Protein backbone atom coordinates (compact mmCIF):
# COMPACT_ATOMS: atom_id res chain seq x y z
CA MET A 1 136.29 -112.66 79.86
CA THR A 2 133.97 -111.35 77.16
CA ASP A 3 130.71 -112.55 75.72
CA THR A 4 131.80 -111.97 72.10
CA PRO A 5 135.52 -112.73 71.74
CA ASP A 6 136.83 -111.69 68.34
CA ILE A 7 138.69 -113.94 65.94
CA ALA A 8 142.10 -112.64 67.04
CA ARG A 9 141.41 -113.85 70.57
CA LEU A 10 140.03 -117.16 69.35
CA ARG A 11 143.14 -117.73 67.24
CA GLN A 12 145.04 -117.99 70.52
CA ILE A 13 143.02 -121.08 71.40
CA GLY A 14 143.20 -122.71 67.94
CA TRP A 15 140.20 -121.26 66.06
CA ARG A 16 140.83 -121.94 62.36
CA GLU A 17 137.67 -120.64 60.69
CA PRO A 18 137.76 -117.29 58.81
CA SER A 19 134.69 -115.97 60.64
CA LEU A 20 132.61 -116.48 63.76
CA PRO A 21 129.43 -118.58 63.78
CA GLU A 22 126.17 -116.70 63.45
CA ASP A 23 125.08 -117.49 66.96
CA SER A 24 124.51 -115.16 69.88
CA ARG A 25 125.78 -117.63 72.45
CA ARG A 26 129.26 -117.48 73.96
CA LEU A 27 132.00 -119.41 72.19
CA ALA A 28 134.90 -121.06 74.04
CA ARG A 29 137.16 -124.10 73.90
CA VAL A 30 137.37 -126.99 76.34
CA VAL A 31 140.85 -127.01 77.87
CA ALA A 32 140.30 -129.59 80.63
CA GLN A 33 137.70 -131.98 81.98
CA HIS A 34 137.31 -132.73 85.68
CA ARG A 35 134.85 -134.76 87.71
CA ALA A 36 133.21 -131.54 88.84
CA GLY A 37 132.83 -130.10 85.34
CA TYR A 38 134.84 -128.51 82.56
CA GLU A 39 137.48 -125.79 82.31
CA LEU A 40 137.10 -123.52 79.28
CA ASP A 41 139.05 -120.74 77.58
CA ASP A 42 137.51 -118.02 75.43
CA GLY A 43 140.83 -116.52 74.31
CA VAL A 44 140.80 -114.02 77.16
CA GLY A 45 140.83 -116.22 80.23
CA THR A 46 139.81 -119.54 81.70
CA PHE A 47 136.62 -120.29 83.62
CA ASN A 48 134.55 -123.25 84.74
CA ALA A 49 131.33 -124.53 83.20
CA GLN A 50 128.86 -127.37 83.60
CA PRO A 51 127.42 -129.54 80.80
CA ALA A 52 123.75 -129.21 79.91
CA GLY A 53 121.41 -132.05 80.87
CA GLN A 54 121.46 -133.49 77.37
CA PHE A 55 125.10 -134.52 77.90
CA LEU A 56 124.31 -136.30 81.17
CA LYS A 57 121.75 -138.77 79.85
CA ARG A 58 122.30 -142.34 80.95
CA GLY A 59 123.57 -144.58 78.15
CA LEU A 60 124.74 -141.65 76.01
CA ASP A 61 127.76 -142.46 73.84
CA PRO A 62 130.66 -140.82 75.74
CA SER A 63 132.16 -139.60 72.46
CA ILE A 64 129.18 -137.24 72.05
CA ARG A 65 129.94 -135.40 75.28
CA PRO A 66 132.27 -132.36 75.30
CA ALA A 67 135.95 -133.32 75.15
CA VAL A 68 139.27 -131.51 75.46
CA GLY A 69 139.80 -129.56 72.24
CA ASP A 70 136.11 -129.02 71.50
CA PHE A 71 134.72 -125.61 70.67
CA VAL A 72 131.42 -125.17 72.46
CA PHE A 73 128.50 -122.76 72.81
CA LEU A 74 127.52 -121.60 76.28
CA ASP A 75 124.69 -119.59 77.73
CA HIS A 76 125.28 -116.13 79.19
CA ALA A 77 124.64 -117.08 82.82
CA SER A 78 127.06 -116.19 85.59
CA HIS A 79 127.58 -119.93 86.06
CA PRO A 80 127.92 -120.98 82.40
CA VAL A 81 126.39 -124.13 80.96
CA ILE A 82 127.70 -125.88 77.84
CA GLU A 83 124.72 -126.08 75.49
CA ALA A 84 126.25 -127.42 72.27
CA VAL A 85 129.45 -128.84 70.81
CA LEU A 86 130.49 -127.42 67.44
CA PRO A 87 131.27 -129.94 64.66
CA ARG A 88 134.71 -131.44 65.17
CA ARG A 89 137.30 -130.76 62.49
CA THR A 90 139.39 -133.77 63.58
CA VAL A 91 139.04 -136.27 66.41
CA LEU A 92 141.49 -138.78 67.89
CA THR A 93 139.84 -141.74 69.61
CA ARG A 94 140.66 -145.16 71.00
CA ALA A 95 138.57 -147.97 72.43
CA ALA A 96 138.34 -147.59 76.19
CA ALA A 97 139.94 -150.21 78.41
CA GLY A 98 137.70 -152.99 79.72
CA GLU A 99 135.32 -155.57 78.31
CA ARG A 100 132.52 -153.15 77.47
CA TYR A 101 132.98 -151.46 74.10
CA GLU A 102 133.19 -147.67 74.30
CA ARG A 103 135.07 -145.13 72.24
CA GLN A 104 137.15 -142.71 74.25
CA VAL A 105 137.93 -139.31 72.78
CA ILE A 106 141.55 -138.34 73.39
CA ALA A 107 141.46 -134.91 71.74
CA THR A 108 139.53 -132.99 69.08
CA ASN A 109 140.21 -130.22 66.57
CA ILE A 110 143.91 -131.04 66.39
CA ASP A 111 146.32 -130.67 63.48
CA TYR A 112 149.16 -132.88 64.72
CA VAL A 113 149.56 -135.89 66.98
CA LEU A 114 153.05 -135.90 68.47
CA VAL A 115 153.93 -139.51 69.37
CA LEU A 116 156.70 -139.44 71.97
CA MET A 117 158.76 -142.58 72.63
CA GLY A 118 161.98 -142.84 74.64
CA LEU A 119 165.19 -144.26 73.18
CA ASP A 120 165.63 -146.42 76.27
CA GLY A 121 163.61 -149.35 77.60
CA ASP A 122 160.49 -147.62 76.29
CA PHE A 123 161.59 -147.97 72.65
CA ASN A 124 159.21 -150.24 70.74
CA PRO A 125 158.62 -149.61 66.99
CA THR A 126 155.68 -152.03 67.05
CA ARG A 127 153.88 -149.76 69.51
CA ILE A 128 154.47 -146.83 67.17
CA GLU A 129 152.60 -148.78 64.48
CA ARG A 130 149.66 -149.09 66.85
CA TYR A 131 149.68 -145.36 67.57
CA LEU A 132 149.78 -144.56 63.85
CA ALA A 133 146.92 -146.96 63.13
CA LEU A 134 144.79 -145.00 65.58
CA ILE A 135 145.91 -141.65 64.22
CA GLU A 136 145.41 -142.30 60.51
CA GLY A 137 141.62 -141.94 60.67
CA SER A 138 141.63 -138.90 62.94
CA GLY A 139 142.24 -136.30 60.24
CA ALA A 140 145.40 -135.15 62.04
CA GLN A 141 149.01 -135.67 60.96
CA ALA A 142 151.27 -138.01 62.93
CA VAL A 143 154.76 -136.88 64.00
CA VAL A 144 157.12 -139.33 65.74
CA LEU A 145 159.39 -137.86 68.42
CA LEU A 146 162.15 -140.11 69.80
CA SER A 147 163.12 -138.67 73.16
CA LYS A 148 166.27 -139.16 75.27
CA ALA A 149 168.43 -138.96 72.15
CA ASP A 150 171.22 -137.57 74.33
CA MET A 151 171.43 -140.92 76.16
CA ALA A 152 170.98 -143.29 73.20
CA ASP A 153 173.82 -145.33 71.68
CA ASP A 154 172.51 -145.64 68.11
CA VAL A 155 170.12 -142.83 67.17
CA PRO A 156 170.43 -143.34 63.37
CA GLY A 157 169.67 -147.04 63.82
CA ALA A 158 166.58 -146.27 65.89
CA ILE A 159 165.33 -143.77 63.33
CA ALA A 160 165.86 -146.35 60.57
CA ALA A 161 163.91 -148.96 62.57
CA VAL A 162 160.98 -146.58 62.92
CA ARG A 163 161.23 -145.40 59.31
CA ALA A 164 160.74 -149.01 58.17
CA ARG A 165 157.45 -149.16 60.10
CA VAL A 166 155.75 -145.88 59.21
CA ALA A 167 154.15 -144.42 56.12
CA GLU A 168 156.36 -142.54 53.69
CA GLY A 169 156.50 -138.87 54.51
CA THR A 170 155.96 -139.28 58.25
CA ASP A 171 158.17 -136.83 60.15
CA ILE A 172 160.57 -138.44 62.65
CA HIS A 173 162.72 -136.39 65.04
CA ALA A 174 165.21 -137.56 67.68
CA ILE A 175 165.17 -135.01 70.50
CA ASN A 176 166.32 -134.16 73.99
CA THR A 177 163.15 -133.04 75.77
CA ARG A 178 165.14 -130.75 78.10
CA ASP A 179 167.05 -128.97 75.33
CA THR A 180 165.63 -125.59 74.31
CA ALA A 181 166.89 -126.28 70.76
CA THR A 182 163.89 -128.62 70.49
CA VAL A 183 161.50 -125.65 70.52
CA PRO A 184 162.43 -124.21 67.07
CA LEU A 185 162.58 -127.78 65.72
CA LEU A 186 158.92 -128.30 66.64
CA ALA A 187 157.79 -124.76 65.81
CA ARG A 188 156.29 -125.87 62.48
CA TYR A 189 153.73 -127.95 64.40
CA LEU A 190 153.01 -125.41 67.13
CA GLY A 191 152.61 -122.13 65.25
CA PRO A 192 149.74 -119.63 65.54
CA GLY A 193 146.35 -121.28 65.09
CA SER A 194 147.74 -124.83 65.21
CA SER A 195 146.76 -127.44 67.78
CA ALA A 196 148.73 -130.57 68.65
CA VAL A 197 148.23 -133.40 71.12
CA LEU A 198 151.17 -135.12 72.81
CA VAL A 199 150.79 -138.87 73.41
CA GLY A 200 153.11 -141.60 74.64
CA SER A 201 153.94 -143.90 77.54
CA SER A 202 154.48 -142.68 81.08
CA GLY A 203 158.12 -141.75 81.49
CA ALA A 204 158.69 -140.91 77.82
CA GLY A 205 159.12 -137.24 78.73
CA LYS A 206 155.81 -135.63 77.72
CA SER A 207 155.62 -133.32 80.72
CA THR A 208 159.31 -132.45 80.43
CA LEU A 209 158.90 -131.58 76.76
CA THR A 210 155.80 -129.52 77.56
CA ASN A 211 157.74 -127.54 80.16
CA THR A 212 160.56 -126.92 77.67
CA ILE A 213 158.12 -125.60 75.07
CA LEU A 214 156.35 -123.44 77.67
CA GLY A 215 159.66 -122.10 78.94
CA GLU A 216 158.67 -122.78 82.54
CA GLU A 217 158.25 -125.71 84.94
CA ARG A 218 154.46 -125.85 84.87
CA MET A 219 153.93 -129.62 84.51
CA ALA A 220 155.04 -132.02 87.26
CA THR A 221 157.70 -134.59 86.33
CA LYS A 222 159.09 -137.73 87.98
CA ALA A 223 162.01 -140.08 87.41
CA VAL A 224 161.41 -143.33 85.53
CA ARG A 225 161.95 -146.83 86.91
CA SER A 226 165.40 -148.18 86.12
CA HIS A 227 164.33 -151.72 85.17
CA ASP A 228 161.85 -150.82 82.41
CA SER A 229 162.23 -147.03 81.85
CA ARG A 230 158.56 -146.48 82.70
CA GLY A 231 157.29 -143.68 84.87
CA ARG A 232 154.25 -143.03 87.01
CA HIS A 233 151.42 -140.87 85.73
CA THR A 234 152.55 -137.33 86.49
CA THR A 235 149.89 -135.93 84.14
CA THR A 236 146.54 -137.10 85.52
CA HIS A 237 144.19 -135.58 82.95
CA ARG A 238 144.26 -134.11 79.47
CA ALA A 239 144.90 -130.37 79.43
CA LEU A 240 145.09 -127.86 76.57
CA LEU A 241 147.82 -125.25 77.01
CA LYS A 242 148.42 -122.03 75.10
CA LEU A 243 152.04 -121.84 73.97
CA PRO A 244 154.49 -118.95 73.51
CA THR A 245 154.81 -120.10 69.86
CA GLY A 246 151.16 -119.14 69.27
CA GLY A 247 149.79 -122.67 69.07
CA CYS A 248 148.05 -124.98 71.50
CA LEU A 249 149.34 -128.24 72.96
CA ILE A 250 147.23 -130.91 74.66
CA ASP A 251 149.26 -132.92 77.17
CA THR A 252 147.86 -136.35 78.03
CA PRO A 253 148.43 -139.00 80.72
CA GLY A 254 150.58 -141.96 79.70
CA MET A 255 148.68 -144.65 77.82
CA ARG A 256 149.21 -148.21 78.96
CA GLU A 257 146.60 -149.66 76.62
CA LEU A 258 145.99 -148.70 72.99
CA LYS A 259 142.92 -150.53 71.77
CA LEU A 260 141.73 -150.08 68.19
CA THR A 261 138.16 -148.89 67.65
CA GLY A 262 137.35 -151.24 64.77
CA GLU A 263 137.03 -148.39 62.28
CA GLU A 264 140.70 -148.13 61.26
CA ASN A 265 141.70 -148.57 57.61
CA LEU A 266 145.25 -149.72 58.42
CA ASP A 267 146.60 -147.63 55.55
CA LEU A 268 149.89 -147.92 57.38
CA PHE A 269 150.16 -151.38 55.82
CA ALA A 270 149.24 -150.38 52.27
CA ASP A 271 152.26 -152.31 50.98
CA ILE A 272 150.87 -155.55 52.39
CA GLU A 273 147.45 -154.87 50.90
CA THR A 274 149.15 -154.34 47.52
CA LEU A 275 151.03 -157.62 47.85
CA SER A 276 147.88 -159.56 48.80
CA SER A 277 146.13 -158.28 45.67
CA GLN A 278 148.84 -159.98 43.61
CA CYS A 279 148.15 -163.47 45.00
CA ARG A 280 146.98 -166.06 42.48
CA PHE A 281 143.76 -166.72 44.40
CA THR A 282 141.47 -163.97 45.65
CA ASP A 283 140.70 -165.96 48.81
CA CYS A 284 144.35 -166.72 49.53
CA GLY A 285 145.00 -167.45 53.19
CA HIS A 286 148.67 -166.43 52.83
CA THR A 287 149.98 -169.68 54.31
CA ASN A 288 150.92 -172.47 51.87
CA GLU A 289 148.72 -171.66 48.86
CA PRO A 290 150.47 -171.70 45.45
CA GLY A 291 151.12 -168.27 43.97
CA CYS A 292 150.91 -166.45 47.32
CA ALA A 293 152.58 -163.05 46.89
CA ILE A 294 152.84 -162.58 50.66
CA GLN A 295 154.81 -165.80 51.18
CA ALA A 296 157.01 -164.95 48.19
CA ALA A 297 157.76 -161.52 49.67
CA LEU A 298 158.60 -163.09 53.03
CA LEU A 299 161.00 -165.55 51.38
CA SER A 300 162.71 -162.86 49.32
CA GLY A 301 163.04 -160.47 52.24
CA GLU A 302 160.84 -157.83 50.61
CA LEU A 303 158.46 -158.18 53.56
CA SER A 304 159.90 -158.72 57.04
CA PRO A 305 158.30 -161.40 59.26
CA GLN A 306 158.03 -158.85 62.06
CA ARG A 307 156.02 -156.43 59.93
CA TRP A 308 153.78 -159.28 58.73
CA ARG A 309 153.12 -160.33 62.34
CA SER A 310 152.33 -156.75 63.30
CA PHE A 311 149.84 -156.46 60.46
CA LEU A 312 148.12 -159.73 61.38
CA LYS A 313 147.83 -158.71 65.03
CA LEU A 314 146.34 -155.30 64.26
CA HIS A 315 144.14 -156.67 61.47
CA ASP A 316 142.66 -159.37 63.73
CA GLU A 317 142.13 -156.89 66.57
CA ARG A 318 140.41 -154.45 64.23
CA GLU A 319 138.07 -157.17 62.93
CA GLU A 320 137.23 -158.25 66.47
CA GLN A 321 136.53 -154.70 67.55
CA ALA A 322 134.45 -154.06 64.42
CA ALA A 323 132.31 -157.11 65.20
CA THR A 324 131.90 -155.95 68.80
CA LEU A 325 130.87 -152.49 67.62
CA GLU A 326 128.35 -153.91 65.15
CA ALA A 327 126.82 -156.14 67.82
CA ARG A 328 126.59 -153.18 70.21
CA LEU A 329 124.81 -151.05 67.62
CA LYS A 330 122.35 -153.88 66.88
CA ARG A 331 121.55 -154.29 70.58
CA LYS A 332 121.05 -150.56 70.93
CA ALA A 333 118.72 -150.46 67.93
CA ALA A 334 116.71 -153.43 69.23
CA ALA A 335 116.32 -151.79 72.63
CA LYS A 336 114.66 -148.68 71.21
CA PRO A 337 110.96 -148.46 72.16
CA PRO A 338 108.49 -148.59 69.24
CA THR A 339 107.39 -145.23 67.93
CA LYS A 340 103.90 -144.12 68.83
CA SER A 341 101.29 -144.11 66.11
CA HIS A 342 99.86 -140.72 65.21
CA ARG A 343 96.82 -142.13 63.40
CA LYS A 344 93.63 -140.45 64.51
CA PHE A 345 90.57 -142.61 65.15
CA ARG A 346 87.05 -141.47 64.47
CA ARG A 347 83.96 -142.82 66.18
CA GLY A 348 82.44 -145.65 64.22
CA GLN A 349 85.67 -146.72 62.55
CA ASP A 350 88.27 -149.38 63.36
CA ASP A 351 85.94 -151.23 65.74
């Protein structure tokens, strides 16, 4: 461990800037978060650190706290304290499970989000749309990986089904997570200086794929259930790993719930937005109004009913989440105490 790691060392943990910040504090990256604190890497080795008091304030937006993938400044103490989080280049978030609205940071400073889905009972193109809706505003590039290709009956058909749901230009690969031939296939996303996060359902093969890329059995794996192809959480927390390819990979626990944050643009459905702009009436409800371009596209087969239903579901969820977020911000603003007046009073005035 060194107090001033050079850029070459920082490249090993995903540093992309051409120079170091002009700051005398130690620079490292968050590679894991535990209940007892954080695990960091400075390009030389890993060590533990605690967050400064400012990150422990009650009511603080959780997304402001250090997260896996963050580059942070620390003091020089023997028991380091995280004093600041550097600006995030990209950030992947979702709305946390539960009734209370909170944004949960999945990973930061990533270049690619590898969406892994099994070609078994786990296969669900509609869920891929939900993943991509969350990814599109992160600043990272989505890559769809269809695992268990060695056991699938119709791989080309599955790829075609996904291709019909995703934006043009999205990379889709059918892979066997245990096959070492997968490593060179994914090398373009995991090269020196690059950071990727691996997301998907439990049992899709995330830990198996991670082990294949690492070239060793470092991540625990378990068999999936036969009736629904789902697995138990073998990865219990997000962890950033340095790879032999020179890049970094963040492995994540399986996600059972993917809630939108309310800030998505849904660019994934740009074709539907284009169609709706061609309706005769600007306030068209897309049901039985005359001159509705959406209904015409559904009748002609240009727009599939399934895609239309997916759009409506995600659109309505986004609007609901956006309203919840707005209400939360208003309550927070109303709860702020009034600022103190700094006007000075002189004797004989303002009686």
